[in-house]
Protein backbone atom coordinates (compact mmCIF):
# COMPACT_ATOMS: atom_id res chain seq x y z
CA MET A 1 0.08 -0.11 0.09
CA ARG A 2 1.01 3.78 -0.34
CA ARG A 3 0.43 6.12 2.36
CA VAL A 4 -0.25 10.23 2.19
CA SER A 5 2.90 11.12 3.50
CA GLY A 6 4.81 9.35 0.58
CA GLY A 7 8.01 7.32 0.71
CA GLY A 8 7.98 3.63 -0.98
CA ALA A 9 5.31 1.08 -1.26
CA VAL A 10 4.85 -0.63 2.15
CA TYR A 11 4.19 -4.18 2.95
CA HIS A 12 1.30 -5.59 5.48
CA ASP A 13 0.94 -8.96 6.44
CA LEU A 14 -0.11 -9.97 10.33
CA GLY A 15 3.52 -10.22 11.14
CA ASN A 16 4.17 -7.23 10.78
CA LEU A 17 2.65 -4.07 13.08
CA THR A 18 2.43 -0.50 12.24
CA PHE A 19 2.83 2.75 15.11
CA SER A 20 1.28 6.68 14.59
CA PHE A 21 2.21 9.80 16.21
CA MET A 22 -0.08 12.69 15.53
CA THR A 23 0.84 15.51 17.03
CA ARG A 24 -0.22 19.73 17.09
CA ASP A 25 3.87 20.39 17.58
CA VAL A 26 4.83 21.20 13.94
CA SER A 27 8.43 22.77 14.94
CA GLY A 28 10.72 21.21 12.63
CA ARG A 29 8.15 20.30 9.99
CA VAL A 30 8.59 16.72 8.97
CA THR A 31 12.22 16.29 9.98
CA GLN A 32 11.33 14.58 13.81
CA TYR A 33 12.03 11.30 13.39
CA ASP A 34 14.15 11.34 16.40
CA LYS A 35 11.43 12.48 18.54
CA PHE A 36 8.86 9.61 17.61
CA ASN A 37 11.01 7.11 16.54
CA GLY A 38 12.79 7.32 20.53
CA PRO A 39 10.37 5.55 22.15
CA VAL A 40 10.03 2.44 19.94
CA VAL A 41 13.96 2.09 19.94
CA GLU A 42 13.96 2.79 24.02
CA VAL A 43 11.15 -0.85 24.00
CA LEU A 44 13.12 -2.40 21.11
CA ARG A 45 16.28 -2.21 23.35
CA GLU A 46 14.96 -3.52 26.45
CA LEU A 47 13.56 -6.55 24.88
CA GLY A 48 17.28 -7.44 23.92
CA VAL A 49 16.47 -6.28 20.12
CA PRO A 50 20.33 -4.28 19.35
CA VAL A 51 18.34 -1.43 17.54
CA GLU A 52 19.44 1.62 15.98
CA ILE A 53 18.29 4.81 14.28
CA SER A 54 19.48 4.93 11.06
CA GLY A 55 19.60 7.95 7.83
CA ARG A 56 16.33 9.72 8.34
CA ASN A 57 13.85 7.37 8.79
CA HIS A 58 14.58 3.67 8.81
CA ILE A 59 15.40 1.52 12.41
CA LEU A 60 17.83 -1.20 11.70
CA ALA A 61 18.23 -4.43 13.82
CA ASP A 62 22.18 -5.51 13.33
CA GLY A 63 22.31 -3.26 10.55
CA ARG A 64 19.16 -4.84 8.78
CA LYS A 65 16.02 -2.79 8.76
CA ILE A 66 13.17 -2.96 10.96
CA SER A 67 11.15 -0.55 10.14
CA GLY A 68 10.83 2.26 7.56
CA ASN A 69 9.18 5.41 8.54
CA ALA A 70 7.46 8.65 6.97
CA GLN A 71 5.91 12.11 8.08
CA VAL A 72 3.64 13.96 6.78
CA ALA A 73 2.32 18.25 8.42
CA THR A 74 -0.50 20.45 7.46
CA SER A 75 -0.35 23.74 9.00
CA ASP A 76 -1.18 22.78 12.66
CA ARG A 77 -0.86 18.82 12.82
CA MET A 78 1.90 16.40 12.27
CA PHE A 79 1.24 12.88 11.50
CA SER A 80 4.40 10.19 11.90
CA HIS A 81 3.84 6.39 11.24
CA GLY A 82 5.99 3.14 10.90
CA THR A 83 6.29 -0.19 10.06
CA LEU A 84 7.79 -3.05 12.46
CA LEU A 85 9.03 -6.03 11.20
CA LEU A 86 8.09 -8.56 13.85
CA ASP A 87 7.82 -11.98 12.51
CA SER A 88 6.48 -11.65 8.44
CA ASP A 89 7.63 -13.99 5.87
CA LEU A 90 10.61 -12.31 4.51
CA ASP A 91 10.30 -14.43 1.24
CA ASP A 92 6.76 -12.97 1.02
CA VAL A 93 8.40 -9.39 1.51
CA THR A 94 10.82 -9.98 -1.31
CA ALA A 95 8.35 -10.66 -3.87
CA ALA A 96 6.26 -7.80 -3.26
CA LEU A 97 8.57 -5.20 -2.89
CA ARG A 98 10.91 -5.38 -6.18
CA PRO A 99 12.92 -2.04 -7.23
CA LYS A 100 13.42 -1.47 -10.18
CA PRO A 101 16.88 -3.51 -11.67
CA GLY A 102 18.48 0.29 -13.00
CA LYS A 103 18.25 1.28 -9.21
CA ILE A 104 19.64 -1.18 -7.74
CA GLU A 105 22.78 -1.00 -10.09
CA SER A 106 23.08 2.39 -9.88
CA LYS A 107 22.43 2.76 -5.88
CA GLY A 108 24.76 -0.78 -5.20
CA MET A 109 21.72 -1.51 -3.37
CA LYS A 110 21.72 -5.40 -2.00
CA SER A 111 18.54 -7.28 -2.81
CA ILE A 112 15.71 -6.49 -0.46
CA ARG A 113 15.68 -9.96 1.25
CA SER A 114 19.34 -9.48 2.74
CA ARG A 115 18.33 -5.88 3.60
CA VAL A 116 15.23 -6.39 6.18
CA ALA A 117 15.29 -8.65 9.66
CA ASN A 118 12.45 -9.73 11.75
CA ILE A 119 12.42 -8.28 15.36
CA SER A 120 11.74 -12.21 16.29
CA GLU A 121 15.26 -12.86 15.12
CA PHE A 122 16.94 -11.05 18.17
CA LEU A 123 14.29 -12.16 20.84
CA SER A 124 15.30 -14.48 23.69
CA ALA A 125 11.80 -15.66 23.68
CA PRO A 126 8.70 -15.36 21.24
CA ILE A 127 6.18 -12.92 21.90
CA THR A 128 3.32 -14.37 22.09
CA VAL A 129 -0.77 -13.71 22.84
CA ASP A 130 -2.78 -15.55 24.69
CA GLU A 131 -6.52 -16.49 25.91
CA ALA A 132 -6.01 -13.61 28.30
CA ASP A 133 -4.53 -11.07 27.00
CA TRP A 134 -7.16 -11.17 24.00
CA ARG A 135 -10.20 -10.73 26.67
CA ALA A 136 -8.59 -7.89 28.17
CA ALA A 137 -7.84 -6.39 24.75
CA GLY A 138 -12.06 -6.96 24.02
CA GLU A 139 -12.75 -5.48 27.82
CA LEU A 140 -10.62 -2.17 26.90
CA LEU A 141 -12.76 -1.71 23.42
CA GLU A 142 -16.05 -2.25 24.93
CA SER A 143 -15.46 -0.11 27.86
CA LYS A 144 -13.28 2.76 25.91
CA TYR A 145 -12.24 2.26 22.31
CA GLY A 146 -15.33 0.91 20.92
CA THR A 147 -17.58 3.75 22.63
CA TRP A 148 -19.38 6.32 21.21
CA ALA A 149 -18.16 9.07 24.00
CA TRP A 150 -14.72 8.36 22.44
CA ASN A 151 -15.37 7.58 18.50
CA TYR A 152 -17.68 11.44 18.21
CA GLY A 153 -18.02 12.59 22.18
CA GLN A 154 -14.96 14.56 21.75
CA ASN A 155 -15.43 16.17 18.19
CA PRO A 156 -15.07 20.09 17.87
CA ALA A 157 -18.21 21.92 18.05
CA CYS A 158 -19.48 22.94 14.43
CA ASN A 159 -22.47 24.21 12.42
CA VAL A 160 -23.63 22.16 9.46
CA GLN A 161 -26.41 23.46 7.11
CA ARG A 162 -28.93 21.00 4.67
CA ALA A 163 -30.98 22.17 2.09
CA HIS A 164 -33.07 20.80 -0.72
CA ARG A 165 -34.81 22.31 -3.07
CA PHE A 166 -37.90 20.79 -4.43
CA PRO A 167 -40.24 21.39 -6.83
CA ALA A 168 -43.12 23.27 -4.37
CA GLY A 169 -40.68 24.74 -2.26
CA ASP A 170 -37.47 24.58 -0.03
CA ILE A 171 -36.65 23.15 3.08
CA ASP A 172 -33.22 24.46 4.94
CA GLY A 173 -32.01 22.71 8.55
CA ARG A 174 -29.36 24.75 10.27
CA LEU A 175 -27.54 22.53 13.31
CA ASP A 176 -25.61 23.43 15.72
CA ILE A 177 -23.43 20.29 17.06
CA GLN A 178 -21.72 20.24 19.67
CA GLN A 179 -20.00 16.85 21.00
CA ALA A 180 -21.20 15.07 18.34
CA ARG A 181 -24.75 15.73 19.28
CA ILE A 182 -27.25 18.13 17.93
CA ALA A 183 -27.29 20.75 20.09
CA GLY A 184 -29.90 22.99 18.38
CA LEU A 185 -32.01 23.14 15.07
CA ARG A 186 -33.76 25.21 13.18
CA ILE A 187 -35.81 24.35 10.04
CA PHE A 188 -36.53 27.26 7.52
CA GLY A 189 -38.48 26.98 4.19
CA ASP A 190 -41.65 28.27 2.24
CA PHE A 191 -43.84 25.26 2.90
CA MET A 192 -47.13 24.46 4.09
CA ARG A 193 -47.40 22.68 7.02
CA ARG A 194 -50.26 21.43 9.60
CA ALA A 195 -48.22 21.19 12.69
CA ASP A 196 -45.64 23.98 14.26
CA VAL A 197 -42.23 22.90 12.49
CA ARG A 198 -40.28 23.81 15.81
CA ALA A 199 -41.97 20.67 17.86
CA LEU A 200 -40.06 18.88 14.79
CA GLU A 201 -36.98 20.97 15.97
CA THR A 202 -37.33 20.17 19.88
CA ARG A 203 -37.69 16.25 18.93
CA LEU A 204 -34.60 16.05 17.43
CA CYS A 205 -32.40 17.96 19.31
CA GLY A 206 -30.50 16.23 21.91
CA LEU A 207 -29.80 13.23 19.49
CA ALA A 208 -26.47 11.87 18.40
CA PHE A 209 -25.82 13.34 15.11
CA GLU A 210 -26.08 9.81 13.10
CA ARG A 211 -27.40 9.05 10.53
CA ASP A 212 -29.09 5.81 11.69
CA VAL A 213 -30.21 7.58 15.14
CA VAL A 214 -32.09 10.67 13.16
CA ALA A 215 -33.27 8.58 10.84
CA SER A 216 -34.36 6.14 13.22
CA VAL A 217 -36.87 9.28 15.13
CA LEU A 218 -37.99 10.41 11.85
CA SER A 219 -39.32 7.20 10.60
CA ALA A 220 -41.93 7.38 13.11
CA VAL A 221 -42.98 11.06 12.09
CA ASN A 222 -45.65 11.77 9.48
CA PRO A 223 -43.57 14.01 7.30
CA THR A 224 -47.11 15.39 5.64
CA ASP A 225 -47.33 16.91 9.21
CA TYR A 226 -44.69 19.64 8.96
CA PHE A 227 -43.98 19.41 4.54
CA ALA A 228 -47.64 19.10 3.66
CA THR A 229 -46.75 20.46 -0.11
CA LEU A 230 -42.93 18.81 -0.34
CA VAL A 231 -43.81 15.43 0.52
CA GLY A 232 -41.67 12.64 -1.63
CA ARG A 233 -38.38 13.08 -1.95
CA THR A 234 -36.11 13.25 1.27
CA CYS A 235 -33.52 16.03 2.05
């Protein structure tokens, strides 16, 4: 696969891990590999892996590459990510990543197979994951990372407008979204109605700003009560 941060192709299988860092610190722009790779190197050394940062964005173990990294920055954010060859099939890596012969000759490069290594080669004991680890991961997902509060609740406030012109008139909805919920809603338009549209606005306020949630509430609403002349097409 290729990354938005550029660079060469990246190989992924079940033996290859990835890590990412995101920060608002953009000082130095995309040259902070030591800062982001430092903690990774520290952990690997604690495991007994003889690693070092090489060049600008590689991590080597005994002179062979176990990690490649790339970065991208915007005006106020920086993203750094890398790979870790833990226990990949290096023959598959070689088959998938084939540099052009001319590049190998011009730069005096060795073959990919001879230049890369698995972290597992340097470990005194294999890293295993047992049922207790999977159970702990599942519990953490359920209690934190899989919750609405974690994935949506901390989103920044924003204003959303959705408008559509029907043959018989317009509907224009203005929403105030806070912490991924509809904190305020006003509906404007030149439609005829039987019921006060403010009742519908009140009904939707407080809901999570998610299509399925809003659609579920609207399914119990008779649209002709509020948009008598516009029924026939949804916004």
